[in-house]
Amino acid sequence: MSHIVTIKNEVRDYQAVNVTCRRLQLPPPILGTVQLFSGLPAGLIVRLTDWTYPAVIDTTTGQVRYDNYNGAWGDQSHLD
């Protein structure tokens, strides 16, 4: 029998993001607005290794926005 699991994750804690970036040897997150391929999100900007565009964390909503064009612009495992 199969089971479907849905996990909703929200990222809201700047300090946790900062510690995680340091642990993963990424540049520290910076607060700002950045151009993704389509859109101009604001929040904590996290630069992932070898990604064309950064991930942007809106700590007020907990949502993470990113564009990796189905892996062409960034390895999904770096975000996972």
Protein backbone atom coordinates (compact mmCIF):
# COMPACT_ATOMS: atom_id res chain seq x y z
CA MET A 1 0.00 0.00 0.00
CA SER A 2 1.36 3.41 -0.90
CA HIS A 3 1.13 6.52 1.22
CA ILE A 4 1.33 10.13 0.17
CA VAL A 5 3.17 12.49 2.45
CA THR A 6 2.95 16.25 2.13
CA ILE A 7 5.39 18.40 4.06
CA LYS A 8 4.95 22.14 4.24
CA ASN A 9 8.05 23.90 5.47
CA GLU A 10 8.32 27.57 6.39
CA VAL A 11 11.60 29.41 6.95
CA ARG A 12 11.24 32.39 9.28
CA ASP A 13 14.36 32.56 11.46
CA TYR A 14 17.24 34.69 10.14
CA GLN A 15 19.67 33.25 12.69
CA ALA A 16 18.85 29.67 11.66
CA VAL A 17 19.42 30.55 7.99
CA ASN A 18 22.71 32.27 8.87
CA VAL A 19 23.96 29.26 10.88
CA THR A 20 22.90 26.88 8.10
CA CYS A 21 24.75 28.94 5.47
CA ARG A 22 27.87 28.93 7.62
CA ARG A 23 27.62 25.15 8.18
CA LEU A 24 27.22 24.56 4.42
CA GLN A 25 30.09 26.98 3.66
CA LEU A 26 27.83 29.38 1.76
CA PRO A 27 28.09 33.16 1.85
CA PRO A 28 26.04 34.70 4.66
CA PRO A 29 22.47 35.61 3.70
CA ILE A 30 21.80 39.26 2.99
CA LEU A 31 18.53 41.13 3.26
CA GLY A 32 17.46 42.71 0.01
CA THR A 33 15.69 42.40 -3.32
CA VAL A 34 17.07 40.40 -6.22
CA GLN A 35 16.09 39.76 -9.83
CA LEU A 36 15.23 36.13 -10.55
CA PHE A 37 14.57 35.04 -14.12
CA SER A 38 10.97 36.16 -13.67
CA GLY A 39 10.21 38.21 -10.61
CA LEU A 40 11.80 40.53 -8.13
CA PRO A 41 11.38 38.94 -4.68
CA ALA A 42 12.58 40.53 -1.45
CA GLY A 43 13.88 38.79 1.64
CA LEU A 44 16.98 36.91 2.74
CA ILE A 45 19.12 36.28 -0.33
CA VAL A 46 21.02 32.98 -0.18
CA ARG A 47 23.63 32.28 -2.86
CA LEU A 48 23.82 28.55 -3.55
CA THR A 49 26.92 26.96 -5.09
CA ASP A 50 26.92 27.12 -8.91
CA TRP A 51 23.35 28.46 -9.15
CA THR A 52 22.50 31.11 -11.73
CA TYR A 53 20.01 32.80 -9.39
CA PRO A 54 19.94 32.83 -5.58
CA ALA A 55 17.19 31.50 -3.35
CA VAL A 56 15.16 34.23 -1.64
CA ILE A 57 13.51 33.61 1.72
CA ASP A 58 10.57 35.80 2.74
CA THR A 59 10.73 35.43 6.53
CA THR A 60 7.33 37.12 6.97
CA THR A 61 5.54 34.39 5.00
CA GLY A 62 8.14 31.64 5.41
CA GLN A 63 8.20 31.00 1.66
CA VAL A 64 11.34 30.32 -0.36
CA ARG A 65 11.50 31.47 -3.99
CA TYR A 66 14.09 30.23 -6.44
CA ASP A 67 14.52 29.47 -10.12
CA ASN A 68 16.75 26.63 -11.22
CA TYR A 69 14.97 25.89 -14.54
CA ASN A 70 14.43 22.22 -13.69
CA GLY A 71 18.07 21.81 -12.70
CA ALA A 72 19.62 23.68 -15.66
CA TRP A 73 20.46 26.74 -13.55
CA GLY A 74 21.23 24.98 -10.28
CA ASP A 75 21.46 21.52 -8.76
CA GLN A 76 18.27 20.86 -6.76
CA SER A 77 20.27 18.86 -4.20
CA HIS A 78 21.97 22.09 -3.09
CA LEU A 79 18.58 23.46 -2.07
CA ASP A 80 17.30 20.21 -0.58
